[in-house]
Amino acid sequence: MFDLSFVRRGGRTVIDRRLFAWPFVLTRSFHIDRDRPDCLTVIVQTGSGAVHGGDNLAQRLTLGPGTAVSLVSQGATSVHRAAPATRATESVNLHVENGANLEYLPEPRILFPDAALSQTIELDCATDAYALIFDAFTMHDPIGMGRDFRELASTFCLRRSGSEPLLIERTRIYRPERSIFRGHGAFGSAFMVLPPVMIWRISKRS
């Protein structure tokens, strides 16, 4: 379990709740963006350095009003083989309150042969808040035989201020044929959530 909450104090974002257990590791956070001195950069690390078959992981981030957080990971994370009829699971719950700004930018997951992963990302973003969410995967066979992962199930759900879901994107790939990737070795999604007034301004200018 990895559970953080953030508040705004003295014009900066700081952590006010910090709970985590193996395999998650959290060290010092940083204010490093000169253009956004209020933004806190958080680096999530894993002591195991990988996701193993049967792992059950959970993350929760709560951004209080007016906070700004950029969350990144230590590097691309390997997802290793899962035994038959098992798979690793991960749930990510992101709650972004009024006027807050979240960048959720983990490095890609590396899917090894026979890896099986089921993940869910749920974002509840206030109507006047901002969020940028990345979710990416690469494939790798260490002996170069073209073996693929076994299964990937990924769900992204967006709510605004606790409303009914506005967007649900589901991906499920089971024992894929290499041809479906059309020669590419990576794939992913990006979601940008803006306040309605900002969307209107961008639309008007374009």
C-alpha atoms as a PDB file:
ATOM      1  CA  MET A   1       0.000   0.000   0.000  1.00  0.00           C
ATOM      2  CA  PHE A   2       1.207   3.491  -0.901  1.00  0.00           C
ATOM      3  CA  ASP A   3      -0.949   6.301   0.512  1.00  0.00           C
ATOM      4  CA  LEU A   4      -0.057  10.000   0.348  1.00  0.00           C
ATOM      5  CA  SER A   5      -2.035  13.185   0.844  1.00  0.00           C
ATOM      6  CA  PHE A   6      -0.918  16.745   0.118  1.00  0.00           C
ATOM      7  CA  VAL A   7      -1.784  20.210   1.450  1.00  0.00           C
ATOM      8  CA  ARG A   8      -0.692  23.744   0.574  1.00  0.00           C
ATOM      9  CA  ARG A   9       1.337  25.587   3.194  1.00  0.00           C
ATOM     10  CA  GLY A  10       3.295  28.817   2.842  1.00  0.00           C
ATOM     11  CA  GLY A  11       2.720  28.925  -0.901  1.00  0.00           C
ATOM     12  CA  ARG A  12       4.090  25.395  -1.432  1.00  0.00           C
ATOM     13  CA  THR A  13       2.739  21.869  -1.600  1.00  0.00           C
ATOM     14  CA  VAL A  14       3.839  19.518   1.196  1.00  0.00           C
ATOM     15  CA  ILE A  15       2.991  15.962   2.236  1.00  0.00           C
ATOM     16  CA  ASP A  16       0.715  15.721   5.266  1.00  0.00           C
ATOM     17  CA  ARG A  17       0.018  11.968   5.212  1.00  0.00           C
ATOM     18  CA  ARG A  18       2.683   9.429   4.343  1.00  0.00           C
ATOM     19  CA  LEU A  19       1.861   5.720   4.605  1.00  0.00           C
ATOM     20  CA  PHE A  20       3.630   3.025   2.651  1.00  0.00           C
ATOM     21  CA  ALA A  21       4.730  -0.573   2.981  1.00  0.00           C
ATOM     22  CA  TRP A  22       6.853  -3.065   1.054  1.00  0.00           C
ATOM     23  CA  PRO A  23       7.626  -2.967  -1.810  1.00  0.00           C
ATOM     24  CA  PHE A  24       7.071   0.805  -1.991  1.00  0.00           C
ATOM     25  CA  VAL A  25       9.812   3.204  -0.914  1.00  0.00           C
ATOM     26  CA  LEU A  26       9.561   6.971  -0.550  1.00  0.00           C
ATOM     27  CA  THR A  27      12.556   9.234   0.010  1.00  0.00           C
ATOM     28  CA  ARG A  28      12.842  13.011  -0.005  1.00  0.00           C
ATOM     29  CA  SER A  29      10.509  15.038  -2.247  1.00  0.00           C
ATOM     30  CA  PHE A  30      11.597  18.166  -4.136  1.00  0.00           C
ATOM     31  CA  HIS A  31      10.501  21.622  -5.296  1.00  0.00           C
ATOM     32  CA  ILE A  32      12.564  21.718  -8.500  1.00  0.00           C
ATOM     33  CA  ASP A  33      10.396  23.431 -11.129  1.00  0.00           C
ATOM     34  CA  ARG A  34      11.485  27.077 -11.342  1.00  0.00           C
ATOM     35  CA  ASP A  35       8.353  27.972 -13.281  1.00  0.00           C
ATOM     36  CA  ARG A  36       6.133  26.315 -10.659  1.00  0.00           C
ATOM     37  CA  PRO A  37       7.762  26.801  -7.238  1.00  0.00           C
ATOM     38  CA  ASP A  38       4.616  25.529  -5.498  1.00  0.00           C
ATOM     39  CA  CYS A  39       4.790  22.137  -7.249  1.00  0.00           C
ATOM     40  CA  LEU A  40       6.131  19.162  -5.298  1.00  0.00           C
ATOM     41  CA  THR A  41       7.948  16.407  -7.222  1.00  0.00           C
ATOM     42  CA  VAL A  42       7.585  12.958  -5.656  1.00  0.00           C
ATOM     43  CA  ILE A  43       9.630   9.932  -6.781  1.00  0.00           C
ATOM     44  CA  VAL A  44       8.013   6.579  -6.048  1.00  0.00           C
ATOM     45  CA  GLN A  45      10.451   3.684  -5.748  1.00  0.00           C
ATOM     46  CA  THR A  46      10.026  -0.044  -5.246  1.00  0.00           C
ATOM     47  CA  GLY A  47      12.336  -2.086  -3.070  1.00  0.00           C
ATOM     48  CA  SER A  48      11.813  -5.178  -5.223  1.00  0.00           C
ATOM     49  CA  GLY A  49      12.437  -3.266  -8.458  1.00  0.00           C
ATOM     50  CA  ALA A  50       9.784  -5.295 -10.260  1.00  0.00           C
ATOM     51  CA  VAL A  51       6.212  -6.575 -10.257  1.00  0.00           C
ATOM     52  CA  HIS A  52       5.990 -10.326  -9.726  1.00  0.00           C
ATOM     53  CA  GLY A  53       3.206 -12.758 -10.491  1.00  0.00           C
ATOM     54  CA  GLY A  54       0.670 -12.732  -7.652  1.00  0.00           C
ATOM     55  CA  ASP A  55       1.608  -9.248  -6.367  1.00  0.00           C
ATOM     56  CA  ASN A  56      -1.326  -7.144  -5.159  1.00  0.00           C
ATOM     57  CA  LEU A  57      -0.365  -3.461  -5.150  1.00  0.00           C
ATOM     58  CA  ALA A  58      -2.377  -0.353  -4.282  1.00  0.00           C
ATOM     59  CA  GLN A  59      -1.674   3.375  -4.519  1.00  0.00           C
ATOM     60  CA  ARG A  60      -3.755   6.312  -3.304  1.00  0.00           C
ATOM     61  CA  LEU A  61      -2.972   9.998  -3.773  1.00  0.00           C
ATOM     62  CA  THR A  62      -5.131  12.782  -2.346  1.00  0.00           C
ATOM     63  CA  LEU A  63      -4.362  16.346  -3.467  1.00  0.00           C
ATOM     64  CA  GLY A  64      -5.910  18.993  -1.246  1.00  0.00           C
ATOM     65  CA  PRO A  65      -7.220  22.341  -2.559  1.00  0.00           C
ATOM     66  CA  GLY A  66      -4.659  24.407  -4.472  1.00  0.00           C
ATOM     67  CA  THR A  67      -1.882  21.818  -4.347  1.00  0.00           C
ATOM     68  CA  ALA A  68       0.389  20.854  -7.250  1.00  0.00           C
ATOM     69  CA  VAL A  69       2.105  17.454  -7.477  1.00  0.00           C
ATOM     70  CA  SER A  70       4.276  15.797 -10.098  1.00  0.00           C
ATOM     71  CA  LEU A  71       4.629  12.092  -9.367  1.00  0.00           C
ATOM     72  CA  VAL A  72       7.258  10.060 -11.209  1.00  0.00           C
ATOM     73  CA  SER A  73       8.842   6.642 -10.707  1.00  0.00           C
ATOM     74  CA  GLN A  74      12.481   5.622 -10.306  1.00  0.00           C
ATOM     75  CA  GLY A  75      12.531   4.051 -13.767  1.00  0.00           C
ATOM     76  CA  ALA A  76      10.770   1.536 -15.962  1.00  0.00           C
ATOM     77  CA  THR A  77       9.384  -1.345 -13.893  1.00  0.00           C
ATOM     78  CA  SER A  78       9.679  -4.970 -15.004  1.00  0.00           C
ATOM     79  CA  VAL A  79       6.571  -7.152 -14.868  1.00  0.00           C
ATOM     80  CA  HIS A  80       7.744 -10.753 -14.602  1.00  0.00           C
ATOM     81  CA  ARG A  81       6.168 -14.075 -15.413  1.00  0.00           C
ATOM     82  CA  ALA A  82       3.030 -15.104 -13.540  1.00  0.00           C
ATOM     83  CA  ALA A  83       2.198 -18.742 -12.883  1.00  0.00           C
ATOM     84  CA  PRO A  84      -0.797 -20.166 -14.773  1.00  0.00           C
ATOM     85  CA  ALA A  85      -4.162 -18.932 -13.437  1.00  0.00           C
ATOM     86  CA  THR A  86      -2.461 -16.095 -11.485  1.00  0.00           C
ATOM     87  CA  ARG A  87      -1.679 -12.482 -12.307  1.00  0.00           C
ATOM     88  CA  ALA A  88      -0.348  -9.373 -10.626  1.00  0.00           C
ATOM     89  CA  THR A  89      -2.907  -6.689  -9.759  1.00  0.00           C
ATOM     90  CA  GLU A  90      -2.552  -2.988  -9.107  1.00  0.00           C
ATOM     91  CA  SER A  91      -5.104  -0.331  -8.226  1.00  0.00           C
ATOM     92  CA  VAL A  92      -4.352   3.398  -8.375  1.00  0.00           C
ATOM     93  CA  ASN A  93      -6.794   5.878  -6.813  1.00  0.00           C
ATOM     94  CA  LEU A  94      -6.212   9.573  -7.563  1.00  0.00           C
ATOM     95  CA  HIS A  95      -8.306  12.280  -5.853  1.00  0.00           C
ATOM     96  CA  VAL A  96      -7.679  15.857  -7.014  1.00  0.00           C
ATOM     97  CA  GLU A  97      -9.546  18.561  -5.107  1.00  0.00           C
ATOM     98  CA  ASN A  98     -10.482  22.147  -6.011  1.00  0.00           C
ATOM     99  CA  GLY A  99      -7.822  24.119  -7.866  1.00  0.00           C
ATOM    100  CA  ALA A 100      -5.248  21.327  -7.574  1.00  0.00           C
ATOM    101  CA  ASN A 101      -2.918  20.126 -10.317  1.00  0.00           C
ATOM    102  CA  LEU A 102      -1.655  16.543 -10.727  1.00  0.00           C
ATOM    103  CA  GLU A 103       0.917  15.118 -13.115  1.00  0.00           C
ATOM    104  CA  TYR A 104       0.965  11.317 -12.763  1.00  0.00           C
ATOM    105  CA  LEU A 105       3.957  10.272 -14.876  1.00  0.00           C
ATOM    106  CA  PRO A 106       5.266   6.802 -14.020  1.00  0.00           C
ATOM    107  CA  GLU A 107       7.826   5.262 -16.346  1.00  0.00           C
ATOM    108  CA  PRO A 108       6.588   2.455 -18.639  1.00  0.00           C
ATOM    109  CA  ARG A 109       6.017  -1.103 -17.455  1.00  0.00           C
ATOM    110  CA  ILE A 110       8.229  -3.709 -19.144  1.00  0.00           C
ATOM    111  CA  LEU A 111       6.152  -6.800 -19.903  1.00  0.00           C
ATOM    112  CA  PHE A 112       8.317  -9.937 -19.883  1.00  0.00           C
ATOM    113  CA  PRO A 113       7.310 -13.264 -21.462  1.00  0.00           C
ATOM    114  CA  ASP A 114       4.258 -14.813 -19.764  1.00  0.00           C
ATOM    115  CA  ALA A 115       3.676 -11.713 -17.627  1.00  0.00           C
ATOM    116  CA  ALA A 116       0.069 -11.137 -16.560  1.00  0.00           C
ATOM    117  CA  LEU A 117      -1.048  -7.788 -15.118  1.00  0.00           C
ATOM    118  CA  SER A 118      -4.433  -6.340 -14.231  1.00  0.00           C
ATOM    119  CA  GLN A 119      -4.461  -2.655 -13.321  1.00  0.00           C
ATOM    120  CA  THR A 120      -7.074  -0.018 -12.592  1.00  0.00           C
ATOM    121  CA  ILE A 121      -6.559   3.750 -12.470  1.00  0.00           C
ATOM    122  CA  GLU A 122      -9.438   5.759 -11.006  1.00  0.00           C
ATOM    123  CA  LEU A 123      -9.259   9.555 -11.191  1.00  0.00           C
ATOM    124  CA  ASP A 124     -11.723  11.794  -9.345  1.00  0.00           C
ATOM    125  CA  CYS A 125     -10.865  15.335 -10.447  1.00  0.00           C
ATOM    126  CA  ALA A 126     -12.688  18.437  -9.223  1.00  0.00           C
ATOM    127  CA  THR A 127     -14.292  20.492 -11.980  1.00  0.00           C
ATOM    128  CA  ASP A 128     -11.762  23.333 -11.556  1.00  0.00           C
ATOM    129  CA  ALA A 129      -8.718  21.051 -11.168  1.00  0.00           C
ATOM    130  CA  TYR A 130      -6.166  19.789 -13.678  1.00  0.00           C
ATOM    131  CA  ALA A 131      -4.689  16.334 -14.244  1.00  0.00           C
ATOM    132  CA  LEU A 132      -2.288  14.729 -16.707  1.00  0.00           C
ATOM    133  CA  ILE A 133      -2.130  10.922 -16.540  1.00  0.00           C
ATOM    134  CA  PHE A 134       0.330   8.706 -18.448  1.00  0.00           C
ATOM    135  CA  ASP A 135       0.140   4.934 -18.721  1.00  0.00           C
ATOM    136  CA  ALA A 136       2.636   3.110 -20.952  1.00  0.00           C
ATOM    137  CA  PHE A 137       3.977  -0.388 -21.599  1.00  0.00           C
ATOM    138  CA  THR A 138       6.895  -1.932 -23.459  1.00  0.00           C
ATOM    139  CA  MET A 139       7.606  -5.584 -24.299  1.00  0.00           C
ATOM    140  CA  HIS A 140      10.875  -7.427 -23.801  1.00  0.00           C
ATOM    141  CA  ASP A 141      12.118 -10.980 -24.294  1.00  0.00           C
ATOM    142  CA  PRO A 142      15.597 -11.233 -22.703  1.00  0.00           C
ATOM    143  CA  ILE A 143      16.658 -14.133 -24.963  1.00  0.00           C
ATOM    144  CA  GLY A 144      15.383 -12.498 -28.142  1.00  0.00           C
ATOM    145  CA  MET A 145      12.966 -15.254 -29.163  1.00  0.00           C
ATOM    146  CA  GLY A 146       9.993 -12.970 -29.701  1.00  0.00           C
ATOM    147  CA  ARG A 147       8.004 -14.376 -26.768  1.00  0.00           C
ATOM    148  CA  ASP A 148       5.179 -12.152 -25.546  1.00  0.00           C
ATOM    149  CA  PHE A 149       3.392 -11.397 -22.307  1.00  0.00           C
ATOM    150  CA  ARG A 150       0.382 -13.536 -21.457  1.00  0.00           C
ATOM    151  CA  GLU A 151      -2.221 -10.982 -20.423  1.00  0.00           C
ATOM    152  CA  LEU A 152      -2.799  -7.284 -19.843  1.00  0.00           C
ATOM    153  CA  ALA A 153      -6.056  -5.865 -18.491  1.00  0.00           C
ATOM    154  CA  SER A 154      -6.100  -2.111 -17.952  1.00  0.00           C
ATOM    155  CA  THR A 155      -8.990   0.176 -16.947  1.00  0.00           C
ATOM    156  CA  PHE A 156      -9.019   3.974 -16.628  1.00  0.00           C
ATOM    157  CA  CYS A 157     -12.059   5.652 -15.040  1.00  0.00           C
ATOM    158  CA  LEU A 158     -12.628   9.430 -14.821  1.00  0.00           C
ATOM    159  CA  ARG A 159     -15.044  11.193 -12.492  1.00  0.00           C
ATOM    160  CA  ARG A 160     -15.481  14.914 -11.852  1.00  0.00           C
ATOM    161  CA  SER A 161     -16.143  15.810  -8.198  1.00  0.00           C
ATOM    162  CA  GLY A 162     -17.542  12.399  -7.323  1.00  0.00           C
ATOM    163  CA  SER A 163     -19.978  12.264 -10.221  1.00  0.00           C
ATOM    164  CA  GLU A 164     -20.935   9.221 -12.219  1.00  0.00           C
ATOM    165  CA  PRO A 165     -18.092   8.082 -14.503  1.00  0.00           C
ATOM    166  CA  LEU A 166     -17.587  10.437 -17.451  1.00  0.00           C
ATOM    167  CA  LEU A 167     -15.053   8.222 -19.195  1.00  0.00           C
ATOM    168  CA  ILE A 168     -14.106   4.566 -18.915  1.00  0.00           C
ATOM    169  CA  GLU A 169     -11.390   3.132 -21.131  1.00  0.00           C
ATOM    170  CA  ARG A 170     -10.763  -0.600 -21.000  1.00  0.00           C
ATOM    171  CA  THR A 171      -7.988  -2.570 -22.649  1.00  0.00           C
ATOM    172  CA  ARG A 172      -7.631  -6.340 -22.510  1.00  0.00           C
ATOM    173  CA  ILE A 173      -5.002  -8.264 -24.423  1.00  0.00           C
ATOM    174  CA  TYR A 174      -4.649 -12.021 -23.996  1.00  0.00           C
ATOM    175  CA  ARG A 175      -1.831 -14.019 -25.585  1.00  0.00           C
ATOM    176  CA  PRO A 176      -1.364 -11.428 -28.342  1.00  0.00           C
ATOM    177  CA  GLU A 177      -0.169 -12.133 -31.815  1.00  0.00           C
ATOM    178  CA  ARG A 178       2.903 -10.003 -32.512  1.00  0.00           C
ATOM    179  CA  SER A 179       1.268  -8.738 -35.715  1.00  0.00           C
ATOM    180  CA  ILE A 180      -1.293  -6.635 -33.813  1.00  0.00           C
ATOM    181  CA  PHE A 181       1.475  -4.265 -32.688  1.00  0.00           C
ATOM    182  CA  ARG A 182       2.472  -3.560 -36.323  1.00  0.00           C
ATOM    183  CA  GLY A 183       6.169  -3.628 -35.551  1.00  0.00           C
ATOM    184  CA  HIS A 184       5.976  -1.359 -32.505  1.00  0.00           C
ATOM    185  CA  GLY A 185       7.451  -2.415 -29.183  1.00  0.00           C
ATOM    186  CA  ALA A 186       5.543  -0.018 -26.937  1.00  0.00           C
ATOM    187  CA  PHE A 187       2.034   1.314 -26.460  1.00  0.00           C
ATOM    188  CA  GLY A 188       0.151   3.455 -23.963  1.00  0.00           C
ATOM    189  CA  SER A 189      -2.374   6.174 -23.198  1.00  0.00           C
ATOM    190  CA  ALA A 190      -2.350   9.789 -22.068  1.00  0.00           C
ATOM    191  CA  PHE A 191      -5.276  11.646 -20.492  1.00  0.00           C
ATOM    192  CA  MET A 192      -5.418  15.409 -19.961  1.00  0.00           C
ATOM    193  CA  VAL A 193      -8.242  16.689 -17.759  1.00  0.00           C
ATOM    194  CA  LEU A 194      -8.961  20.439 -17.821  1.00  0.00           C
ATOM    195  CA  PRO A 195     -11.609  22.706 -16.273  1.00  0.00           C
ATOM    196  CA  PRO A 196     -14.513  23.368 -18.664  1.00  0.00           C
ATOM    197  CA  VAL A 197     -13.605  27.065 -18.951  1.00  0.00           C
ATOM    198  CA  MET A 198     -10.071  26.153 -20.072  1.00  0.00           C
ATOM    199  CA  ILE A 199     -11.417  23.749 -22.688  1.00  0.00           C
ATOM    200  CA  TRP A 200     -13.703  26.529 -23.957  1.00  0.00           C
ATOM    201  CA  ARG A 201     -10.780  28.982 -24.234  1.00  0.00           C
ATOM    202  CA  ILE A 202      -8.600  26.502 -26.120  1.00  0.00           C
ATOM    203  CA  SER A 203     -11.464  25.701 -28.481  1.00  0.00           C
ATOM    204  CA  LYS A 204     -12.152  29.385 -29.088  1.00  0.00           C
ATOM    205  CA  ARG A 205      -8.509  30.169 -29.913  1.00  0.00           C
ATOM    206  CA  SER A 206      -8.165  27.264 -32.328  1.00  0.00           C
END
